[in-house]
Amino acid sequence: MAWVEAVSSDEPERRRYRLKNPVTLEPLGEFDAQTGAEVRAAVERARKVQPAWAELGSDDRGRYLARAVQHLIARQDEFVQVIVAETGKPTVEAFASEIMGSCDVLTFYAKRARRILADRTLPVHLMRNKKLRISYRPLGVVGIITPWNFPFLLSLNPTAQALMAGNAVILKPSEVTAFSGRLLEELFEAAGLPEGVFQVLLGDGETGRALCDAGVDKISFTGSVATGRKVGELCGRNLVPCTLELGGKDPMIVCSDADLERAANGAVFGAFSNAGQVCISTERVYVVEEVADEFTRKVVEKTAALRQGAGGEFDVGAMITPSQLEIVERHVRDAVTKGARVLAGGRRNPAWQGLFFEPTVLVDVTHEMDVMREETFGPVLPIMRVRDEQEALLRANDSRYGLNANVWTRDKRKGVELAKAIEAGAVVVNDCMVTYGVTEAPFGGRKDSGIGQVNGEVGLRSYCHAQAILVDRFGGKAEPSWYPHTGRKLGRMKRLLRFVWGTPLGRLLS
């Protein structure tokens, strides 16, 4: 059984794939992987039209994004239907994350890009006779490679930023959710985007490799650590900048003074949303032992109330790929073999023929288990008792991942201090999984969880080259450091050095 399977093509040199619905396992359609020659041709088309797109300016580019919002609103049900068919997620979940999230992204950057990317003038601390201007110039052609868990939003978000920065964009969506990626092409075509400014390449890993090697000016990759390493190696060899948003093993710390009702609700949502297939899912819980029993009881009770199914009014949907389902099964099996107890779930859901794994709660877990060390990316919530918050912090940081985390306490000041001590790119206090959705917040991982940041001002500017322009303010025939070099000039330089960096007044002025 395969979610995306290779099939024979009419053209022997092409790779052809068939997609299946993870709920019904029925075919959804087929597509051809685009070749290296087609990838290079797409980059050439983008290169030709990008200068005119950059010349439009932020306001004019923003109008295209604003029109895209209106088309997305008009076709929301059609788009959700495609996304649900490819991913098996509940309709409400697809609507909230993929459609509403995308409308917010498009509107945010369309309205704010002009301010964020405006030239900045900065004072020069030493050479007061110079004026420094920072100008954010487009990189050129940006290649974007995206995953299957949020196939529309995670494709649109970096695309919107790169387009608003004045770049042409080539998107290579996951072959597992190729048709959701193609929706973006339809959306921007309906918005009237100039031909060639945004292109979608359907394909597999070889197509992505070809894009990395095709002479683009940046690669934005979202996906697994293993694939991210390969992308990073290719970009390093080609001296192409890249942003790598990779996996996580996100910890949750529950302090003794936490609101346990809210914390339990957050744990269940944070672990089982999108069937746990979220890079910022809660993948391990550390709860202080004096409240561990009550917290665990609440979590098990709330997990039992979840409705698993497809489409309509369900809470937890299907896994998206059989291979990911197998990883979840392996992690649960390894944990149980090493002494963990299953308090909820723990198996494939027998009520459904598709790729459904029951929302699962584990206790008596240790860091010798895969489920506490490797990314599970599925509906599994392991809960570990700890002596106090300091042990929770040590355990949280005992990981090669560092993407996201959450802390639960009634003392918000303590929550912020614990957050600062966690080795993660982002931390939420008394909530979970909201960091990526807060468009102003820079988002990116530490350790094996990635390189660089997306979103907000940092993310938008990362699709530009920050060009430093220094302008002489006063003129004159020559600068003091210019030729000729004389002993007198050296003496003046030594006196200046002693004054500027050797006296309190000089250090103050410099």
Protein backbone atom coordinates (compact mmCIF):
# COMPACT_ATOMS: atom_id res chain seq x y z
CA MET A 1 0.00 0.00 0.00
CA ALA A 2 1.47 3.33 -1.00
CA TRP A 3 0.09 6.85 -0.75
CA VAL A 4 2.07 8.08 -3.75
CA GLU A 5 3.19 5.33 -6.08
CA ALA A 6 5.21 5.27 -9.27
CA VAL A 7 3.33 4.19 -12.39
CA SER A 8 4.36 3.74 -16.00
CA SER A 9 4.36 6.82 -18.23
CA ASP A 10 3.65 7.18 -21.94
CA GLU A 11 7.06 8.83 -22.18
CA PRO A 12 9.80 6.41 -21.07
CA GLU A 13 12.13 9.18 -19.84
CA ARG A 14 9.50 10.56 -17.47
CA ARG A 15 8.63 9.53 -13.92
CA ARG A 16 4.88 9.30 -13.35
CA TYR A 17 3.06 9.11 -10.01
CA ARG A 18 -0.42 8.23 -8.79
CA LEU A 19 -1.82 9.82 -5.62
CA LYS A 20 -4.23 8.11 -3.22
CA ASN A 21 -6.70 9.38 -0.67
CA PRO A 22 -5.38 8.45 2.82
CA VAL A 23 -8.94 7.91 4.08
CA THR A 24 -10.41 5.75 1.32
CA LEU A 25 -7.13 4.63 -0.30
CA GLU A 26 -8.74 5.38 -3.67
CA PRO A 27 -6.73 7.03 -6.48
CA LEU A 28 -6.96 10.81 -6.78
CA GLY A 29 -5.11 11.27 -10.04
CA GLU A 30 -1.71 11.08 -11.68
CA PHE A 31 1.03 13.53 -12.65
CA ASP A 32 4.42 13.52 -14.36
CA ALA A 33 7.54 14.59 -12.51
CA GLN A 34 9.13 17.45 -14.38
CA THR A 35 12.59 16.87 -15.77
CA GLY A 36 15.83 18.68 -15.11
CA ALA A 37 15.56 20.40 -18.50
CA GLU A 38 12.08 21.65 -17.62
CA VAL A 39 13.34 22.93 -14.27
CA ARG A 40 16.15 24.87 -15.94
CA ALA A 41 13.73 26.28 -18.50
CA ALA A 42 11.44 27.47 -15.70
CA VAL A 43 14.33 29.25 -14.01
CA GLU A 44 15.23 30.95 -17.29
CA ARG A 45 11.64 32.16 -17.73
CA ALA A 46 11.62 33.47 -14.18
CA ARG A 47 14.95 35.22 -14.67
CA LYS A 48 13.60 37.14 -17.68
CA VAL A 49 10.45 38.47 -16.01
CA GLN A 50 11.80 39.11 -12.50
CA PRO A 51 13.29 42.59 -13.12
CA ALA A 52 9.96 43.97 -14.33
CA TRP A 53 8.21 42.43 -11.33
CA ALA A 54 10.72 44.05 -8.96
CA GLU A 55 10.26 47.42 -10.66
CA LEU A 56 6.55 47.43 -9.84
CA GLY A 57 7.19 48.37 -6.22
CA SER A 58 5.63 46.99 -3.04
CA ASP A 59 2.22 48.61 -3.38
CA ASP A 60 1.63 47.31 -6.89
CA ARG A 61 2.86 43.83 -6.00
CA GLY A 62 0.58 43.91 -2.97
CA ARG A 63 -2.44 44.50 -5.16
CA TYR A 64 -1.92 41.12 -6.80
CA LEU A 65 -1.83 39.46 -3.39
CA ALA A 66 -4.97 41.31 -2.34
CA ARG A 67 -6.75 40.02 -5.44
CA ALA A 68 -5.53 36.52 -4.59
CA VAL A 69 -7.29 36.81 -1.22
CA GLN A 70 -10.59 37.56 -2.92
CA HIS A 71 -10.21 34.59 -5.26
CA LEU A 72 -9.33 32.37 -2.31
CA ILE A 73 -12.46 33.47 -0.47
CA ALA A 74 -14.58 32.82 -3.57
CA ARG A 75 -13.15 29.32 -4.10
CA GLN A 76 -12.64 28.33 -0.46
CA ASP A 77 -14.86 25.22 -0.55
CA GLU A 78 -13.27 23.93 -3.74
CA PHE A 79 -9.78 24.41 -2.33
CA VAL A 80 -10.65 22.76 0.99
CA GLN A 81 -12.07 19.77 -0.85
CA VAL A 82 -8.75 19.20 -2.65
CA ILE A 83 -6.71 19.65 0.53
CA VAL A 84 -8.90 17.27 2.55
CA ALA A 85 -8.82 14.64 -0.19
CA GLU A 86 -5.01 14.69 -0.27
CA THR A 87 -4.33 14.94 3.47
CA GLY A 88 -7.30 13.30 5.21
CA LYS A 89 -7.53 16.12 7.74
CA PRO A 90 -10.90 17.26 9.15
CA THR A 91 -12.65 19.98 7.18
CA VAL A 92 -12.61 22.47 10.06
CA GLU A 93 -8.89 21.94 10.51
CA ALA A 94 -8.20 22.44 6.81
CA PHE A 95 -10.33 25.58 6.70
CA ALA A 96 -8.79 27.15 9.82
CA SER A 97 -5.14 26.46 9.08
CA GLU A 98 -4.91 26.36 5.30
CA ILE A 99 -7.56 28.87 4.14
CA MET A 100 -7.83 31.39 6.98
CA GLY A 101 -4.09 31.22 7.61
CA SER A 102 -3.37 31.88 3.95
CA CYS A 103 -5.73 34.86 3.78
CA ASP A 104 -3.93 36.36 6.78
CA VAL A 105 -0.49 35.79 5.24
CA LEU A 106 -1.41 37.35 1.91
CA THR A 107 -3.00 40.38 3.54
CA PHE A 108 -0.24 40.87 6.11
CA TYR A 109 2.61 41.09 3.61
CA ALA A 110 0.60 42.98 1.01
CA LYS A 111 -0.09 45.73 3.56
CA ARG A 112 3.24 45.84 5.38
CA ALA A 113 5.93 45.10 2.82
CA ARG A 114 6.46 48.74 1.84
CA ARG A 115 7.27 49.75 5.42
CA ILE A 116 9.39 46.67 6.18
CA LEU A 117 11.40 46.92 2.96
CA ALA A 118 11.77 50.69 2.86
CA ASP A 119 15.32 52.05 2.71
CA ARG A 120 16.74 52.78 6.17
CA THR A 121 19.21 55.51 7.03
CA LEU A 122 21.48 54.77 9.98
CA PRO A 123 24.02 56.94 11.81
CA VAL A 124 27.67 55.97 11.40
CA HIS A 125 29.28 55.82 14.82
CA LEU A 126 32.85 56.68 13.82
CA MET A 127 32.95 58.12 10.30
CA ARG A 128 30.56 60.98 10.94
CA ASN A 129 31.32 62.34 7.49
CA LYS A 130 29.45 59.41 5.93
CA LYS A 131 25.79 58.58 5.66
CA LEU A 132 24.72 54.91 5.68
CA ARG A 133 21.67 53.75 3.78
CA ILE A 134 20.42 50.14 3.88
CA SER A 135 18.50 49.17 0.75
CA TYR A 136 16.65 45.84 0.55
CA ARG A 137 17.17 44.51 -2.97
CA PRO A 138 15.42 41.39 -4.35
CA LEU A 139 17.58 38.30 -4.66
CA GLY A 140 16.19 37.36 -8.09
CA VAL A 141 14.71 33.87 -8.50
CA VAL A 142 13.75 31.93 -5.37
CA GLY A 143 13.14 28.18 -5.30
CA ILE A 144 10.68 26.97 -2.66
CA ILE A 145 10.37 23.29 -1.69
CA THR A 146 7.48 22.46 0.63
CA PRO A 147 6.09 19.50 2.64
CA TRP A 148 2.87 17.54 2.70
CA ASN A 149 1.46 18.22 6.17
CA PHE A 150 0.09 21.72 5.43
CA PRO A 151 0.46 21.64 1.66
CA PHE A 152 -1.31 24.90 0.86
CA LEU A 153 -0.30 27.21 3.72
CA LEU A 154 3.33 26.12 3.88
CA SER A 155 3.63 26.67 0.14
CA LEU A 156 1.83 30.00 0.09
CA ASN A 157 3.54 31.60 3.10
CA PRO A 158 7.14 31.64 1.78
CA THR A 159 5.82 32.35 -1.72
CA ALA A 160 3.98 35.46 -0.55
CA GLN A 161 7.09 36.75 1.23
CA ALA A 162 9.40 36.10 -1.71
CA LEU A 163 6.98 37.70 -4.19
CA MET A 164 6.46 40.79 -2.06
CA ALA A 165 10.24 41.17 -1.79
CA GLY A 166 10.35 41.47 -5.59
CA ASN A 167 11.50 37.98 -6.52
CA ALA A 168 10.19 35.51 -9.05
CA VAL A 169 9.26 32.20 -7.41
CA ILE A 170 9.43 28.56 -8.47
CA LEU A 171 7.51 26.23 -6.15
CA LYS A 172 8.17 22.49 -5.90
CA PRO A 173 5.44 21.06 -3.62
CA SER A 174 5.67 17.60 -2.11
CA GLU A 175 4.82 14.84 -4.54
CA VAL A 176 2.51 13.48 -1.82
CA THR A 177 0.24 16.55 -2.05
CA ALA A 178 0.97 17.74 -5.57
CA PHE A 179 -2.57 18.84 -6.36
CA SER A 180 -2.75 21.11 -3.30
CA GLY A 181 0.43 22.73 -4.55
CA ARG A 182 -1.11 23.21 -7.96
CA LEU A 183 -3.91 25.21 -6.31
CA LEU A 184 -1.43 28.05 -5.80
CA GLU A 185 -0.82 28.20 -9.52
CA GLU A 186 -4.54 28.53 -10.11
CA LEU A 187 -4.85 31.16 -7.39
CA PHE A 188 -2.11 33.48 -8.67
CA GLU A 189 -3.17 32.99 -12.27
CA ALA A 190 -6.68 34.12 -11.29
CA ALA A 191 -5.14 37.12 -9.51
CA GLY A 192 -3.51 38.16 -12.80
CA LEU A 193 0.11 37.66 -11.76
CA PRO A 194 2.40 38.27 -14.77
CA GLU A 195 3.32 35.08 -16.58
CA GLY A 196 6.51 33.47 -15.33
CA VAL A 197 6.68 35.36 -12.01
CA PHE A 198 5.27 32.33 -10.19
CA GLN A 199 5.60 28.77 -11.48
CA VAL A 200 4.82 25.36 -9.98
CA LEU A 201 6.97 22.33 -10.75
CA LEU A 202 5.39 18.99 -9.87
CA GLY A 203 7.88 16.28 -9.13
CA ASP A 204 9.83 14.21 -6.67
CA GLY A 205 13.19 14.43 -4.93
CA GLU A 206 15.03 14.48 -8.23
CA THR A 207 12.98 17.49 -9.30
CA GLY A 208 13.88 19.23 -6.05
CA ARG A 209 17.56 18.41 -6.55
CA ALA A 210 17.38 19.85 -10.07
CA LEU A 211 15.86 23.05 -8.68
CA CYS A 212 18.71 23.40 -6.17
CA ASP A 213 21.19 22.98 -9.04
CA ALA A 214 19.40 25.21 -11.57
CA GLY A 215 21.02 28.52 -10.65
CA VAL A 216 18.36 30.01 -8.37
CA ASP A 217 19.33 32.79 -5.96
CA LYS A 218 17.89 31.19 -2.82
CA ILE A 219 16.26 27.95 -1.70
CA SER A 220 13.57 27.91 0.98
CA PHE A 221 13.02 24.36 2.21
CA THR A 222 10.51 23.02 4.72
CA GLY A 223 10.64 19.33 5.55
CA SER A 224 12.56 16.58 7.30
CA VAL A 225 16.02 16.88 8.81
CA ALA A 226 17.39 14.17 6.51
CA THR A 227 16.23 15.91 3.33
CA GLY A 228 17.17 19.30 4.75
CA ARG A 229 20.77 18.15 5.12
CA LYS A 230 20.84 17.17 1.45
CA VAL A 231 19.37 20.52 0.43
CA GLY A 232 21.87 22.36 2.62
CA GLU A 233 24.78 20.41 1.11
CA LEU A 234 23.64 21.25 -2.43
CA CYS A 235 23.18 24.92 -1.58
CA GLY A 236 26.57 25.04 0.11
CA ARG A 237 28.27 23.52 -2.91
CA ASN A 238 26.57 26.05 -5.19
CA LEU A 239 27.04 28.99 -2.76
CA VAL A 240 23.29 29.58 -2.75
CA PRO A 241 21.72 30.93 0.46
CA CYS A 242 19.04 28.76 1.99
CA THR A 243 16.48 28.71 4.75
CA LEU A 244 15.87 25.27 6.25
CA GLU A 245 12.79 24.81 8.42
CA LEU A 246 13.14 21.24 9.68
CA GLY A 247 11.65 18.88 12.23
CA GLY A 248 11.09 19.16 15.94
CA LYS A 249 10.64 17.16 19.11
CA ASP A 250 8.84 19.92 20.93
CA PRO A 251 8.67 19.72 24.73
CA MET A 252 5.86 20.84 27.03
CA ILE A 253 6.68 21.78 30.62
CA VAL A 254 3.82 21.71 33.14
CA CYS A 255 4.73 23.52 36.35
CA SER A 256 3.22 22.76 39.75
CA ASP A 257 1.20 26.02 39.67
CA ALA A 258 -0.21 25.48 36.17
CA ASP A 259 -3.91 25.76 35.37
CA LEU A 260 -4.28 22.02 34.82
CA GLU A 261 -7.57 22.23 32.94
CA ARG A 262 -6.10 24.63 30.38
CA ALA A 263 -2.80 22.73 30.26
CA ALA A 264 -4.55 19.42 29.61
CA ASN A 265 -6.67 20.97 26.86
CA GLY A 266 -3.50 22.44 25.34
CA ALA A 267 -1.65 19.13 25.55
CA VAL A 268 -4.41 17.25 23.72
CA PHE A 269 -4.75 19.87 20.99
CA GLY A 270 -0.99 20.32 20.69
CA ALA A 271 -0.36 16.60 20.30
CA PHE A 272 -3.27 15.51 18.11
CA SER A 273 -4.00 18.45 15.81
CA ASN A 274 -3.50 17.39 12.17
CA ALA A 275 -3.05 13.87 13.59
CA GLY A 276 0.19 15.07 15.19
CA GLN A 277 1.71 15.84 11.78
CA VAL A 278 2.89 19.33 12.70
CA CYS A 279 6.52 20.36 13.12
CA ILE A 280 5.50 22.28 16.25
CA SER A 281 3.33 19.51 17.71
CA THR A 282 3.79 18.75 21.40
CA GLU A 283 5.82 15.54 21.19
CA ARG A 284 6.85 15.09 24.84
CA VAL A 285 5.48 16.34 28.16
CA TYR A 286 7.41 16.93 31.40
CA VAL A 287 5.02 17.45 34.32
CA VAL A 288 6.06 18.14 37.91
CA GLU A 289 5.22 15.07 39.98
CA GLU A 290 2.95 16.80 42.52
CA VAL A 291 0.40 17.53 39.77
CA ALA A 292 1.25 14.67 37.41
CA ASP A 293 -1.60 12.34 38.40
CA GLU A 294 -4.30 14.98 38.00
CA PHE A 295 -2.84 16.32 34.77
CA THR A 296 -2.57 12.84 33.29
CA ARG A 297 -6.13 11.96 34.32
CA LYS A 298 -7.46 15.04 32.57
CA VAL A 299 -5.43 14.35 29.44
CA VAL A 300 -6.67 10.75 29.19
CA GLU A 301 -10.25 11.85 29.73
CA LYS A 302 -10.05 14.51 27.02
CA THR A 303 -8.29 12.16 24.62
CA ALA A 304 -11.06 9.59 25.01
CA ALA A 305 -13.60 12.24 23.98
CA LEU A 306 -11.93 12.95 20.63
CA ARG A 307 -13.77 11.90 17.48
CA GLN A 308 -11.61 10.38 14.79
CA GLY A 309 -12.75 10.36 11.19
CA ALA A 310 -12.68 12.14 7.86
CA GLY A 311 -14.21 15.32 6.51
CA GLY A 312 -17.09 16.87 8.54
CA GLU A 313 -17.34 17.19 12.31
CA PHE A 314 -14.35 15.17 13.41
CA ASP A 315 -11.43 16.15 15.62
CA VAL A 316 -8.57 13.91 14.46
CA GLY A 317 -8.06 12.84 10.87
CA ALA A 318 -5.89 10.32 9.08
CA MET A 319 -2.16 10.05 8.76
CA ILE A 320 -1.09 11.31 5.36
CA THR A 321 1.42 8.64 4.32
CA PRO A 322 1.81 4.93 5.14
CA SER A 323 5.50 5.43 5.88
CA GLN A 324 4.69 7.99 8.57
CA LEU A 325 2.10 5.67 10.07
CA GLU A 326 4.75 2.96 10.27
CA ILE A 327 7.08 5.33 12.17
CA VAL A 328 4.33 6.02 14.70
CA GLU A 329 3.69 2.31 15.18
CA ARG A 330 7.41 1.64 15.60
CA HIS A 331 7.80 4.37 18.24
CA VAL A 332 4.83 3.12 20.26
CA ARG A 333 6.00 -0.49 20.01
CA ASP A 334 9.53 0.47 21.10
CA ALA A 335 8.18 2.43 24.07
CA VAL A 336 5.94 -0.41 25.26
CA THR A 337 8.77 -2.93 24.88
CA LYS A 338 10.95 -0.73 27.12
CA GLY A 339 8.32 -0.34 29.85
CA ALA A 340 5.89 2.41 28.82
CA ARG A 341 2.17 1.98 29.49
CA VAL A 342 -0.58 2.90 27.02
CA LEU A 343 -3.43 4.80 28.70
CA ALA A 344 -5.27 5.66 25.49
CA GLY A 345 -5.09 4.48 21.90
CA GLY A 346 -1.90 2.73 20.90
CA ARG A 347 -3.03 1.14 17.64
CA ARG A 348 -4.46 1.70 14.18
CA ASN A 349 -8.12 2.60 14.38
CA PRO A 350 -10.04 -0.55 13.38
CA ALA A 351 -13.14 1.48 12.52
CA TRP A 352 -11.49 2.93 9.41
CA GLN A 353 -9.80 1.27 6.45
CA GLY A 354 -7.52 4.23 5.78
CA LEU A 355 -4.37 5.50 7.49
CA PHE A 356 -5.84 6.16 10.94
CA PHE A 357 -3.88 5.80 14.18
CA GLU A 358 -5.76 6.32 17.42
CA PRO A 359 -4.81 9.34 19.57
CA THR A 360 -2.38 7.77 22.01
CA VAL A 361 -1.24 8.66 25.54
CA LEU A 362 1.85 6.99 27.01
CA VAL A 363 3.21 7.14 30.57
CA ASP A 364 6.25 5.65 32.33
CA VAL A 365 8.38 6.84 29.41
CA THR A 366 12.14 7.43 29.54
CA HIS A 367 14.72 9.08 27.34
CA GLU A 368 15.96 5.66 26.28
CA MET A 369 12.81 5.34 24.15
CA ASP A 370 12.60 6.52 20.54
CA VAL A 371 9.32 8.25 21.28
CA MET A 372 11.17 10.71 23.55
CA ARG A 373 14.16 11.30 21.28
CA GLU A 374 13.15 10.98 17.62
CA GLU A 375 10.48 12.96 15.80
CA THR A 376 7.29 10.87 15.85
CA PHE A 377 5.14 13.23 13.74
CA GLY A 378 1.95 11.44 14.69
CA PRO A 379 -0.87 11.39 17.28
CA VAL A 380 1.21 10.23 20.25
CA LEU A 381 1.58 12.07 23.58
CA PRO A 382 4.21 10.67 25.97
CA ILE A 383 4.04 12.07 29.52
CA MET A 384 7.07 11.97 31.84
CA ARG A 385 7.02 12.83 35.57
CA VAL A 386 9.85 15.02 36.86
CA ARG A 387 10.88 16.20 40.32
CA ASP A 388 10.70 19.91 39.63
CA GLU A 389 10.90 22.58 36.95
CA GLN A 390 14.69 22.41 36.80
CA GLU A 391 14.61 18.73 35.92
CA ALA A 392 11.91 19.49 33.34
CA LEU A 393 14.19 22.11 31.81
CA LEU A 394 17.16 19.73 31.68
CA ARG A 395 15.01 17.06 30.04
CA ALA A 396 13.52 19.53 27.57
CA ASN A 397 17.00 20.58 26.43
CA ASP A 398 18.25 16.98 26.21
CA SER A 399 17.44 16.76 22.50
CA ARG A 400 19.11 17.29 19.14
CA TYR A 401 16.04 19.27 18.11
CA GLY A 402 15.19 22.84 19.02
CA LEU A 403 12.19 24.11 17.09
CA ASN A 404 9.38 25.02 19.48
CA ALA A 405 8.27 24.46 23.08
CA ASN A 406 5.51 25.43 25.51
CA VAL A 407 5.47 26.22 29.23
CA TRP A 408 2.44 26.20 31.54
CA THR A 409 2.36 28.22 34.77
CA ARG A 410 0.17 30.84 36.43
CA ASP A 411 3.31 32.90 37.06
CA LYS A 412 3.85 34.54 33.67
CA ARG A 413 7.21 36.03 34.70
CA LYS A 414 8.47 32.58 35.64
CA GLY A 415 7.08 31.25 32.38
CA VAL A 416 9.09 33.78 30.39
CA GLU A 417 12.28 32.97 32.31
CA LEU A 418 11.81 29.24 31.71
CA ALA A 419 11.11 29.97 28.05
CA LYS A 420 14.41 31.83 27.72
CA ALA A 421 16.25 28.84 29.17
CA ILE A 422 14.79 26.37 26.65
CA GLU A 423 16.98 25.72 23.62
CA ALA A 424 14.27 26.31 21.04
CA GLY A 425 13.66 28.80 18.28
CA ALA A 426 10.29 29.75 19.77
CA VAL A 427 8.45 29.14 23.03
CA VAL A 428 4.81 29.73 23.98
CA VAL A 429 3.65 30.37 27.55
CA ASN A 430 0.22 28.95 28.44
CA ASP A 431 -0.64 28.10 24.83
CA CYS A 432 0.74 25.94 22.04
CA MET A 433 1.31 25.81 18.28
CA VAL A 434 0.56 29.50 17.72
CA THR A 435 4.07 30.72 16.87
CA TYR A 436 3.91 30.03 13.14
CA GLY A 437 0.44 31.56 12.99
CA VAL A 438 1.58 34.83 14.56
CA THR A 439 2.81 36.37 11.33
CA GLU A 440 4.90 39.04 13.06
CA ALA A 441 6.96 36.44 14.95
CA PRO A 442 10.24 35.23 13.43
CA PHE A 443 10.14 31.45 13.22
CA GLY A 444 13.05 29.06 12.85
CA GLY A 445 14.78 26.25 14.66
CA ARG A 446 18.00 25.70 16.53
CA LYS A 447 20.23 22.61 16.54
CA ASP A 448 18.95 20.05 14.00
CA SER A 449 15.68 21.93 13.58
CA GLY A 450 16.95 24.25 10.90
CA ILE A 451 18.88 27.25 9.66
CA GLY A 452 17.51 30.76 9.33
CA GLN A 453 14.10 32.21 10.12
CA VAL A 454 10.87 32.82 8.28
CA ASN A 455 7.94 35.18 8.89
CA GLY A 456 7.70 38.75 10.14
CA GLU A 457 10.21 41.42 9.25
CA VAL A 458 13.13 38.99 9.49
CA GLY A 459 11.48 36.51 7.15
CA LEU A 460 10.49 39.07 4.54
CA ARG A 461 13.94 40.66 4.53
CA SER A 462 15.55 37.23 4.19
CA TYR A 463 14.32 37.22 0.59
CA CYS A 464 16.39 40.34 -0.05
CA HIS A 465 20.02 41.32 -0.06
CA ALA A 466 20.56 44.09 2.47
CA GLN A 467 22.71 46.40 0.38
CA ALA A 468 24.83 48.93 2.29
CA ILE A 469 25.17 52.27 0.52
CA LEU A 470 27.62 54.76 2.04
CA VAL A 471 27.41 58.38 0.89
CA ASP A 472 30.06 61.01 1.61
CA ARG A 473 28.40 64.00 3.28
CA PHE A 474 30.84 66.88 2.95
CA GLY A 475 33.16 66.32 -0.01
CA GLY A 476 36.76 67.48 -0.06
CA LYS A 477 39.79 66.71 -2.16
CA ALA A 478 40.91 63.63 -0.22
CA GLU A 479 40.25 61.47 2.82
CA PRO A 480 42.71 61.39 5.73
CA SER A 481 43.60 57.74 5.05
CA TRP A 482 44.30 58.23 1.35
CA TYR A 483 47.80 58.53 -0.20
CA PRO A 484 50.45 59.65 0.48
CA HIS A 485 51.43 57.66 3.58
CA THR A 486 53.74 59.73 5.80
CA GLY A 487 55.24 59.59 9.25
CA ARG A 488 53.24 62.68 10.22
CA LYS A 489 50.02 60.91 9.20
CA LEU A 490 51.00 57.89 11.27
CA GLY A 491 51.56 60.12 14.30
CA ARG A 492 48.12 61.68 13.91
CA MET A 493 46.58 58.23 13.65
CA LYS A 494 48.28 57.09 16.85
CA ARG A 495 47.10 60.18 18.73
CA LEU A 496 43.57 59.59 17.43
CA LEU A 497 43.70 55.95 18.51
CA ARG A 498 44.77 56.88 22.05
CA PHE A 499 41.99 59.46 22.33
CA VAL A 500 39.08 57.50 20.81
CA TRP A 501 39.69 54.12 22.45
CA GLY A 502 42.04 55.03 25.28
CA THR A 503 40.14 57.80 27.10
CA PRO A 504 36.71 57.84 28.77
CA LEU A 505 35.61 60.84 26.68
CA GLY A 506 36.76 59.20 23.44
CA ARG A 507 34.96 55.96 24.21
CA LEU A 508 31.82 57.92 25.00
CA LEU A 509 31.99 59.86 21.74
CA SER A 510 32.73 56.74 19.67
